[in-house]
Full PDB file with SEQRES, HELIX, SHEET, SSBOND, CRYST1, ORIGX, SCALE, CONECT and MASTER records, all heavy atoms in Angstrom:
SEQRES   1 A   34  ARG ARG SER GLU GLN VAL THR VAL LYS VAL GLN GLY VAL          
SEQRES   2 A   34  PRO VAL SER GLY VAL SER LEU ALA VAL GLN PRO PRO GLY          
SEQRES   3 A   34  GLY GLN VAL ALA GLU GLY ASP ARG                              
HELIX    1 AA1 PRO A   25  GLY A   27  5                                   3    
CRYST1    1.000    1.000    1.000  90.00  90.00  90.00 P 1           1          
ORIGX1      1.000000  0.000000  0.000000        0.00000                         
ORIGX2      0.000000  1.000000  0.000000        0.00000                         
ORIGX3      0.000000  0.000000  1.000000        0.00000                         
SCALE1      1.000000  0.000000  0.000000        0.00000                         
SCALE2      0.000000  1.000000  0.000000        0.00000                         
SCALE3      0.000000  0.000000  1.000000        0.00000                         
ATOM      1  N   ARG A   1      20.535 -45.730  25.887  1.00  0.00           N  
ATOM      2  CA  ARG A   1      19.092 -45.897  26.035  1.00  0.00           C  
ATOM      3  C   ARG A   1      18.410 -44.924  25.084  1.00  0.00           C  
ATOM      4  O   ARG A   1      18.856 -43.796  24.910  1.00  0.00           O  
ATOM      5  CB  ARG A   1      18.638 -45.584  27.460  1.00  0.00           C  
ATOM      6  CG  ARG A   1      19.210 -46.473  28.510  1.00  0.00           C  
ATOM      7  CD  ARG A   1      18.449 -47.794  28.489  1.00  0.00           C  
ATOM      8  NE  ARG A   1      19.088 -48.743  29.358  1.00  0.00           N  
ATOM      9  CZ  ARG A   1      18.501 -49.304  30.393  1.00  0.00           C  
ATOM     10  NH1 ARG A   1      17.265 -48.994  30.695  1.00  0.00           N  
ATOM     11  NH2 ARG A   1      19.149 -50.182  31.109  1.00  0.00           N  
ATOM     12  N   ARG A   2      17.337 -45.397  24.533  1.00  0.00           N  
ATOM     13  CA  ARG A   2      16.612 -44.571  23.571  1.00  0.00           C  
ATOM     14  C   ARG A   2      15.141 -44.523  23.993  1.00  0.00           C  
ATOM     15  O   ARG A   2      14.565 -45.545  24.328  1.00  0.00           O  
ATOM     16  CB  ARG A   2      16.745 -45.189  22.197  1.00  0.00           C  
ATOM     17  CG  ARG A   2      16.148 -44.414  21.092  1.00  0.00           C  
ATOM     18  CD  ARG A   2      16.436 -45.095  19.772  1.00  0.00           C  
ATOM     19  NE  ARG A   2      15.696 -44.431  18.715  1.00  0.00           N  
ATOM     20  CZ  ARG A   2      15.921 -44.626  17.452  1.00  0.00           C  
ATOM     21  NH1 ARG A   2      16.848 -45.476  17.066  1.00  0.00           N  
ATOM     22  NH2 ARG A   2      15.216 -43.992  16.553  1.00  0.00           N  
ATOM     23  N   SER A   3      14.585 -43.316  23.948  1.00  0.00           N  
ATOM     24  CA  SER A   3      13.175 -43.164  24.313  1.00  0.00           C  
ATOM     25  C   SER A   3      12.289 -43.678  23.188  1.00  0.00           C  
ATOM     26  O   SER A   3      12.749 -43.896  22.071  1.00  0.00           O  
ATOM     27  CB  SER A   3      12.853 -41.686  24.576  1.00  0.00           C  
ATOM     28  OG  SER A   3      12.854 -40.964  23.362  1.00  0.00           O  
ATOM     29  N   GLU A   4      11.036 -43.846  23.523  1.00  0.00           N  
ATOM     30  CA  GLU A   4      10.074 -44.167  22.479  1.00  0.00           C  
ATOM     31  C   GLU A   4       9.908 -42.935  21.605  1.00  0.00           C  
ATOM     32  O   GLU A   4      10.101 -41.807  22.040  1.00  0.00           O  
ATOM     33  CB  GLU A   4       8.735 -44.548  23.096  1.00  0.00           C  
ATOM     34  CG  GLU A   4       8.792 -45.876  23.824  1.00  0.00           C  
ATOM     35  CD  GLU A   4       7.409 -46.313  24.281  1.00  0.00           C  
ATOM     36  OE1 GLU A   4       6.410 -45.973  23.604  1.00  0.00           O  
ATOM     37  OE2 GLU A   4       7.343 -46.995  25.297  1.00  0.00           O  
ATOM     38  N   GLN A   5       9.536 -43.178  20.373  1.00  0.00           N  
ATOM     39  CA  GLN A   5       9.325 -42.051  19.457  1.00  0.00           C  
ATOM     40  C   GLN A   5       7.996 -41.373  19.772  1.00  0.00           C  
ATOM     41  O   GLN A   5       7.031 -42.016  20.187  1.00  0.00           O  
ATOM     42  CB  GLN A   5       9.330 -42.512  18.006  1.00  0.00           C  
ATOM     43  CG  GLN A   5      10.708 -42.830  17.498  1.00  0.00           C  
ATOM     44  CD  GLN A   5      10.746 -42.981  15.988  1.00  0.00           C  
ATOM     45  OE1 GLN A   5       9.730 -43.121  15.336  1.00  0.00           O  
ATOM     46  NE2 GLN A   5      11.949 -42.953  15.451  1.00  0.00           N  
ATOM     47  N   VAL A   6       8.010 -40.067  19.579  1.00  0.00           N  
ATOM     48  CA  VAL A   6       6.798 -39.275  19.749  1.00  0.00           C  
ATOM     49  C   VAL A   6       6.598 -38.477  18.465  1.00  0.00           C  
ATOM     50  O   VAL A   6       7.566 -38.061  17.824  1.00  0.00           O  
ATOM     51  CB  VAL A   6       6.894 -38.351  20.991  1.00  0.00           C  
ATOM     52  CG1 VAL A   6       8.011 -37.346  20.832  1.00  0.00           C  
ATOM     53  CG2 VAL A   6       5.587 -37.650  21.259  1.00  0.00           C  
ATOM     54  N   THR A   7       5.344 -38.308  18.078  1.00  0.00           N  
ATOM     55  CA  THR A   7       5.026 -37.530  16.880  1.00  0.00           C  
ATOM     56  C   THR A   7       4.673 -36.115  17.293  1.00  0.00           C  
ATOM     57  O   THR A   7       3.837 -35.902  18.167  1.00  0.00           O  
ATOM     58  CB  THR A   7       3.847 -38.159  16.117  1.00  0.00           C  
ATOM     59  OG1 THR A   7       4.211 -39.493  15.739  1.00  0.00           O  
ATOM     60  CG2 THR A   7       3.502 -37.355  14.876  1.00  0.00           C  
ATOM     61  N   VAL A   8       5.342 -35.147  16.673  1.00  0.00           N  
ATOM     62  CA  VAL A   8       5.084 -33.732  16.927  1.00  0.00           C  
ATOM     63  C   VAL A   8       4.473 -33.151  15.654  1.00  0.00           C  
ATOM     64  O   VAL A   8       5.035 -33.288  14.572  1.00  0.00           O  
ATOM     65  CB  VAL A   8       6.388 -32.982  17.284  1.00  0.00           C  
ATOM     66  CG1 VAL A   8       6.134 -31.490  17.407  1.00  0.00           C  
ATOM     67  CG2 VAL A   8       6.997 -33.551  18.551  1.00  0.00           C  
ATOM     68  N   LYS A   9       3.318 -32.516  15.806  1.00  0.00           N  
ATOM     69  CA  LYS A   9       2.671 -31.858  14.668  1.00  0.00           C  
ATOM     70  C   LYS A   9       2.577 -30.370  14.978  1.00  0.00           C  
ATOM     71  O   LYS A   9       1.900 -29.964  15.901  1.00  0.00           O  
ATOM     72  CB  LYS A   9       1.274 -32.421  14.418  1.00  0.00           C  
ATOM     73  CG  LYS A   9       0.583 -31.750  13.240  1.00  0.00           C  
ATOM     74  CD  LYS A   9      -0.629 -32.530  12.797  1.00  0.00           C  
ATOM     75  CE  LYS A   9      -1.450 -31.840  11.758  1.00  0.00           C  
ATOM     76  NZ  LYS A   9      -0.805 -31.377  10.589  1.00  0.00           N  
ATOM     77  N   VAL A  10       3.305 -29.580  14.199  1.00  0.00           N  
ATOM     78  CA  VAL A  10       3.280 -28.133  14.359  1.00  0.00           C  
ATOM     79  C   VAL A  10       2.119 -27.603  13.527  1.00  0.00           C  
ATOM     80  O   VAL A  10       2.040 -27.878  12.337  1.00  0.00           O  
ATOM     81  CB  VAL A  10       4.610 -27.488  13.902  1.00  0.00           C  
ATOM     82  CG1 VAL A  10       4.561 -25.983  14.050  1.00  0.00           C  
ATOM     83  CG2 VAL A  10       5.777 -28.084  14.671  1.00  0.00           C  
ATOM     84  N   GLN A  11       1.229 -26.876  14.194  1.00  0.00           N  
ATOM     85  CA  GLN A  11       0.072 -26.331  13.496  1.00  0.00           C  
ATOM     86  C   GLN A  11       0.273 -24.851  13.234  1.00  0.00           C  
ATOM     87  O   GLN A  11       0.843 -24.143  14.061  1.00  0.00           O  
ATOM     88  CB  GLN A  11      -1.196 -26.549  14.314  1.00  0.00           C  
ATOM     89  CG  GLN A  11      -1.520 -28.026  14.465  1.00  0.00           C  
ATOM     90  CD  GLN A  11      -2.800 -28.245  15.236  1.00  0.00           C  
ATOM     91  OE1 GLN A  11      -3.244 -27.402  15.989  1.00  0.00           O  
ATOM     92  NE2 GLN A  11      -3.395 -29.404  15.036  1.00  0.00           N  
ATOM     93  N   GLY A  12      -0.199 -24.409  12.103  1.00  0.00           N  
ATOM     94  CA  GLY A  12      -0.075 -23.008  11.739  1.00  0.00           C  
ATOM     95  C   GLY A  12      -1.065 -22.132  12.485  1.00  0.00           C  
ATOM     96  O   GLY A  12      -2.134 -22.575  12.887  1.00  0.00           O  
ATOM     97  N   VAL A  13      -0.680 -20.890  12.661  1.00  0.00           N  
ATOM     98  CA  VAL A  13      -1.564 -19.888  13.256  1.00  0.00           C  
ATOM     99  C   VAL A  13      -2.337 -19.240  12.116  1.00  0.00           C  
ATOM    100  O   VAL A  13      -1.741 -18.773  11.141  1.00  0.00           O  
ATOM    101  CB  VAL A  13      -0.747 -18.830  14.036  1.00  0.00           C  
ATOM    102  CG1 VAL A  13      -1.645 -17.730  14.558  1.00  0.00           C  
ATOM    103  CG2 VAL A  13       0.035 -19.490  15.165  1.00  0.00           C  
ATOM    104  N   PRO A  14      -3.678 -19.202  12.205  1.00  0.00           N  
ATOM    105  CA  PRO A  14      -4.461 -18.590  11.124  1.00  0.00           C  
ATOM    106  C   PRO A  14      -4.086 -17.121  10.911  1.00  0.00           C  
ATOM    107  O   PRO A  14      -3.727 -16.413  11.846  1.00  0.00           O  
ATOM    108  CB  PRO A  14      -5.909 -18.706  11.613  1.00  0.00           C  
ATOM    109  CG  PRO A  14      -5.881 -19.786  12.640  1.00  0.00           C  
ATOM    110  CD  PRO A  14      -4.517 -19.734  13.261  1.00  0.00           C  
ATOM    111  N   VAL A  15      -4.190 -16.690   9.670  1.00  0.00           N  
ATOM    112  CA  VAL A  15      -3.927 -15.294   9.324  1.00  0.00           C  
ATOM    113  C   VAL A  15      -5.051 -14.435   9.885  1.00  0.00           C  
ATOM    114  O   VAL A  15      -6.225 -14.745   9.710  1.00  0.00           O  
ATOM    115  CB  VAL A  15      -3.836 -15.109   7.793  1.00  0.00           C  
ATOM    116  CG1 VAL A  15      -3.695 -13.648   7.423  1.00  0.00           C  
ATOM    117  CG2 VAL A  15      -2.687 -15.913   7.230  1.00  0.00           C  
ATOM    118  N   SER A  16      -4.672 -13.340  10.575  1.00  0.00           N  
ATOM    119  CA  SER A  16      -5.672 -12.400  11.088  1.00  0.00           C  
ATOM    120  C   SER A  16      -5.043 -11.032  11.262  1.00  0.00           C  
ATOM    121  O   SER A  16      -3.822 -10.882  11.228  1.00  0.00           O  
ATOM    122  CB  SER A  16      -6.249 -12.886  12.421  1.00  0.00           C  
ATOM    123  OG  SER A  16      -5.240 -12.921  13.409  1.00  0.00           O  
ATOM    124  N   GLY A  17      -5.888 -10.035  11.448  1.00  0.00           N  
ATOM    125  CA  GLY A  17      -5.405  -8.676  11.663  1.00  0.00           C  
ATOM    126  C   GLY A  17      -4.717  -8.088  10.449  1.00  0.00           C  
ATOM    127  O   GLY A  17      -3.695  -7.418  10.562  1.00  0.00           O  
ATOM    128  N   VAL A  18      -5.293  -8.307   9.265  1.00  0.00           N  
ATOM    129  CA  VAL A  18      -4.705  -7.769   8.030  1.00  0.00           C  
ATOM    130  C   VAL A  18      -5.016  -6.275   7.965  1.00  0.00           C  
ATOM    131  O   VAL A  18      -6.152  -5.860   8.183  1.00  0.00           O  
ATOM    132  CB  VAL A  18      -5.254  -8.501   6.793  1.00  0.00           C  
ATOM    133  CG1 VAL A  18      -4.625  -7.958   5.521  1.00  0.00           C  
ATOM    134  CG2 VAL A  18      -5.013  -9.995   6.909  1.00  0.00           C  
ATOM    135  N   SER A  19      -3.991  -5.473   7.708  1.00  0.00           N  
ATOM    136  CA  SER A  19      -4.196  -4.027   7.648  1.00  0.00           C  
ATOM    137  C   SER A  19      -3.432  -3.418   6.476  1.00  0.00           C  
ATOM    138  O   SER A  19      -2.517  -4.021   5.940  1.00  0.00           O  
ATOM    139  CB  SER A  19      -3.761  -3.363   8.961  1.00  0.00           C  
ATOM    140  OG  SER A  19      -2.384  -3.571   9.177  1.00  0.00           O  
ATOM    141  N   LEU A  20      -3.856  -2.199   6.114  1.00  0.00           N  
ATOM    142  CA  LEU A  20      -3.254  -1.457   5.015  1.00  0.00           C  
ATOM    143  C   LEU A  20      -2.624  -0.178   5.522  1.00  0.00           C  
ATOM    144  O   LEU A  20      -3.165   0.469   6.413  1.00  0.00           O  
ATOM    145  CB  LEU A  20      -4.328  -1.037   4.013  1.00  0.00           C  
ATOM    146  CG  LEU A  20      -4.806  -2.028   2.984  1.00  0.00           C  
ATOM    147  CD1 LEU A  20      -5.868  -1.386   2.107  1.00  0.00           C  
ATOM    148  CD2 LEU A  20      -3.676  -2.503   2.135  1.00  0.00           C  
ATOM    149  N   ALA A  21      -1.519   0.200   4.929  1.00  0.00           N  
ATOM    150  CA  ALA A  21      -0.912   1.516   5.135  1.00  0.00           C  
ATOM    151  C   ALA A  21      -0.788   2.150   3.760  1.00  0.00           C  
ATOM    152  O   ALA A  21      -0.591   1.448   2.762  1.00  0.00           O  
ATOM    153  CB  ALA A  21       0.455   1.387   5.791  1.00  0.00           C  
ATOM    154  N   VAL A  22      -0.924   3.465   3.706  1.00  0.00           N  
ATOM    155  CA  VAL A  22      -0.889   4.148   2.420  1.00  0.00           C  
ATOM    156  C   VAL A  22       0.037   5.356   2.504  1.00  0.00           C  
ATOM    157  O   VAL A  22       0.121   6.022   3.531  1.00  0.00           O  
ATOM    158  CB  VAL A  22      -2.313   4.573   1.967  1.00  0.00           C  
ATOM    159  CG1 VAL A  22      -2.952   5.518   2.947  1.00  0.00           C  
ATOM    160  CG2 VAL A  22      -2.297   5.152   0.562  1.00  0.00           C  
ATOM    161  N   GLN A  23       0.737   5.607   1.407  1.00  0.00           N  
ATOM    162  CA  GLN A  23       1.602   6.776   1.293  1.00  0.00           C  
ATOM    163  C   GLN A  23       1.282   7.447  -0.023  1.00  0.00           C  
ATOM    164  O   GLN A  23       1.389   6.785  -1.056  1.00  0.00           O  
ATOM    165  CB  GLN A  23       3.073   6.347   1.342  1.00  0.00           C  
ATOM    166  CG  GLN A  23       4.057   7.453   1.446  1.00  0.00           C  
ATOM    167  CD  GLN A  23       3.904   8.240   2.753  1.00  0.00           C  
ATOM    168  OE1 GLN A  23       3.361   7.771   3.731  1.00  0.00           O  
ATOM    169  NE2 GLN A  23       4.356   9.458   2.760  1.00  0.00           N  
ATOM    170  N   PRO A  24       0.823   8.654  -0.090  1.00  0.00           N  
ATOM    171  CA  PRO A  24       0.691   9.615   1.005  1.00  0.00           C  
ATOM    172  C   PRO A  24      -0.483   9.259   1.930  1.00  0.00           C  
ATOM    173  O   PRO A  24      -1.441   8.604   1.505  1.00  0.00           O  
ATOM    174  CB  PRO A  24       0.443  10.944   0.298  1.00  0.00           C  
ATOM    175  CG  PRO A  24      -0.093  10.588  -1.040  1.00  0.00           C  
ATOM    176  CD  PRO A  24       0.459   9.237  -1.379  1.00  0.00           C  
ATOM    177  N   PRO A  25      -0.370   9.685   3.208  1.00  0.00           N  
ATOM    178  CA  PRO A  25      -1.413   9.387   4.193  1.00  0.00           C  
ATOM    179  C   PRO A  25      -2.779   9.901   3.738  1.00  0.00           C  
ATOM    180  O   PRO A  25      -2.881  10.916   3.059  1.00  0.00           O  
ATOM    181  CB  PRO A  25      -0.945  10.137   5.443  1.00  0.00           C  
ATOM    182  CG  PRO A  25       0.528  10.329   5.258  1.00  0.00           C  
ATOM    183  CD  PRO A  25       0.730  10.459   3.771  1.00  0.00           C  
ATOM    184  N   GLY A  26      -3.813   9.176   4.098  1.00  0.00           N  
ATOM    185  CA  GLY A  26      -5.176   9.578   3.751  1.00  0.00           C  
ATOM    186  C   GLY A  26      -5.666   9.017   2.435  1.00  0.00           C  
ATOM    187  O   GLY A  26      -6.841   9.084   2.133  1.00  0.00           O  
ATOM    188  N   GLY A  27      -4.778   8.496   1.608  1.00  0.00           N  
ATOM    189  CA  GLY A  27      -5.186   7.900   0.341  1.00  0.00           C  
ATOM    190  C   GLY A  27      -5.537   8.889  -0.744  1.00  0.00           C  
ATOM    191  O   GLY A  27      -6.137   8.523  -1.744  1.00  0.00           O  
ATOM    192  N   GLN A  28      -5.152  10.166  -0.576  1.00  0.00           N  
ATOM    193  CA  GLN A  28      -5.371  11.155  -1.635  1.00  0.00           C  
ATOM    194  C   GLN A  28      -4.036  11.490  -2.275  1.00  0.00           C  
ATOM    195  O   GLN A  28      -3.066  11.781  -1.586  1.00  0.00           O  
ATOM    196  CB  GLN A  28      -6.003  12.425  -1.078  1.00  0.00           C  
ATOM    197  CG  GLN A  28      -7.440  12.247  -0.692  1.00  0.00           C  
ATOM    198  CD  GLN A  28      -8.110  13.568  -0.398  1.00  0.00           C  
ATOM    199  OE1 GLN A  28      -7.469  14.603  -0.272  1.00  0.00           O  
ATOM    200  NE2 GLN A  28      -9.421  13.542  -0.284  1.00  0.00           N  
ATOM    201  N   VAL A  29      -4.024  11.447  -3.599  1.00  0.00           N  
ATOM    202  CA  VAL A  29      -2.795  11.698  -4.334  1.00  0.00           C  
ATOM    203  C   VAL A  29      -3.143  12.507  -5.581  1.00  0.00           C  
ATOM    204  O   VAL A  29      -4.221  12.344  -6.159  1.00  0.00           O  
ATOM    205  CB  VAL A  29      -2.095  10.364  -4.703  1.00  0.00           C  
ATOM    206  CG1 VAL A  29      -2.950   9.506  -5.596  1.00  0.00           C  
ATOM    207  CG2 VAL A  29      -0.734  10.587  -5.302  1.00  0.00           C  
ATOM    208  N   ALA A  30      -2.247  13.409  -5.954  1.00  0.00           N  
ATOM    209  CA  ALA A  30      -2.447  14.198  -7.176  1.00  0.00           C  
ATOM    210  C   ALA A  30      -2.165  13.322  -8.392  1.00  0.00           C  
ATOM    211  O   ALA A  30      -1.284  12.460  -8.361  1.00  0.00           O  
ATOM    212  CB  ALA A  30      -1.525  15.417  -7.174  1.00  0.00           C  
ATOM    213  N   GLU A  31      -2.916  13.556  -9.450  1.00  0.00           N  
ATOM    214  CA  GLU A  31      -2.724  12.803 -10.681  1.00  0.00           C  
ATOM    215  C   GLU A  31      -1.276  12.940 -11.135  1.00  0.00           C  
ATOM    216  O   GLU A  31      -0.707  14.028 -11.134  1.00  0.00           O  
ATOM    217  CB  GLU A  31      -3.675  13.319 -11.758  1.00  0.00           C  
ATOM    218  CG  GLU A  31      -3.783  12.395 -12.942  1.00  0.00           C  
ATOM    219  CD  GLU A  31      -4.949  12.752 -13.844  1.00  0.00           C  
ATOM    220  OE1 GLU A  31      -5.377  13.923 -13.839  1.00  0.00           O  
ATOM    221  OE2 GLU A  31      -5.419  11.862 -14.554  1.00  0.00           O  
ATOM    222  N   GLY A  32      -0.651  11.804 -11.469  1.00  0.00           N  
ATOM    223  CA  GLY A  32       0.740  11.783 -11.906  1.00  0.00           C  
ATOM    224  C   GLY A  32       1.723  11.512 -10.787  1.00  0.00           C  
ATOM    225  O   GLY A  32       2.887  11.216 -11.035  1.00  0.00           O  
ATOM    226  N   ASP A  33       1.276  11.613  -9.527  1.00  0.00           N  
ATOM    227  CA  ASP A  33       2.161  11.355  -8.390  1.00  0.00           C  
ATOM    228  C   ASP A  33       2.159   9.877  -8.025  1.00  0.00           C  
ATOM    229  O   ASP A  33       1.317   9.102  -8.460  1.00  0.00           O  
ATOM    230  CB  ASP A  33       1.743  12.190  -7.172  1.00  0.00           C  
ATOM    231  CG  ASP A  33       2.152  13.652  -7.305  1.00  0.00           C  
ATOM    232  OD1 ASP A  33       2.855  13.995  -8.279  1.00  0.00           O  
ATOM    233  OD2 ASP A  33       1.754  14.448  -6.433  1.00  0.00           O  
ATOM    234  N   ARG A  34       3.107   9.506  -7.181  1.00  0.00           N  
ATOM    235  CA  ARG A  34       3.302   8.126  -6.743  1.00  0.00           C  
ATOM    236  C   ARG A  34       2.360   7.797  -5.587  1.00  0.00           C  
ATOM    237  O   ARG A  34       2.175   8.595  -4.673  1.00  0.00           O  
ATOM    238  CB  ARG A  34       4.752   7.959  -6.306  1.00  0.00           C  
ATOM    239  CG  ARG A  34       5.144   6.575  -5.918  1.00  0.00           C  
ATOM    240  CD  ARG A  34       6.670   6.552  -5.659  1.00  0.00           C  
ATOM    241  NE  ARG A  34       7.013   5.425  -4.853  1.00  0.00           N  
ATOM    242  CZ  ARG A  34       7.119   5.438  -3.528  1.00  0.00           C  
ATOM    243  NH1 ARG A  34       6.923   6.548  -2.857  1.00  0.00           N  
ATOM    244  NH2 ARG A  34       7.433   4.345  -2.877  1.00  0.00           N  
TER     245      ARG A  34                                                      
MASTER        0    0    0    1    0    0    0    6  244    1    0    3          
END                                                                             
């Protein structure tokens, strides 16, 4: 026995909560440093 076909549509989750991390902390760096 076979069931009727069903259509499944997977929807994406919108992008949210974008954040930044920085090294060195605080975003201050000496000239020439990484």
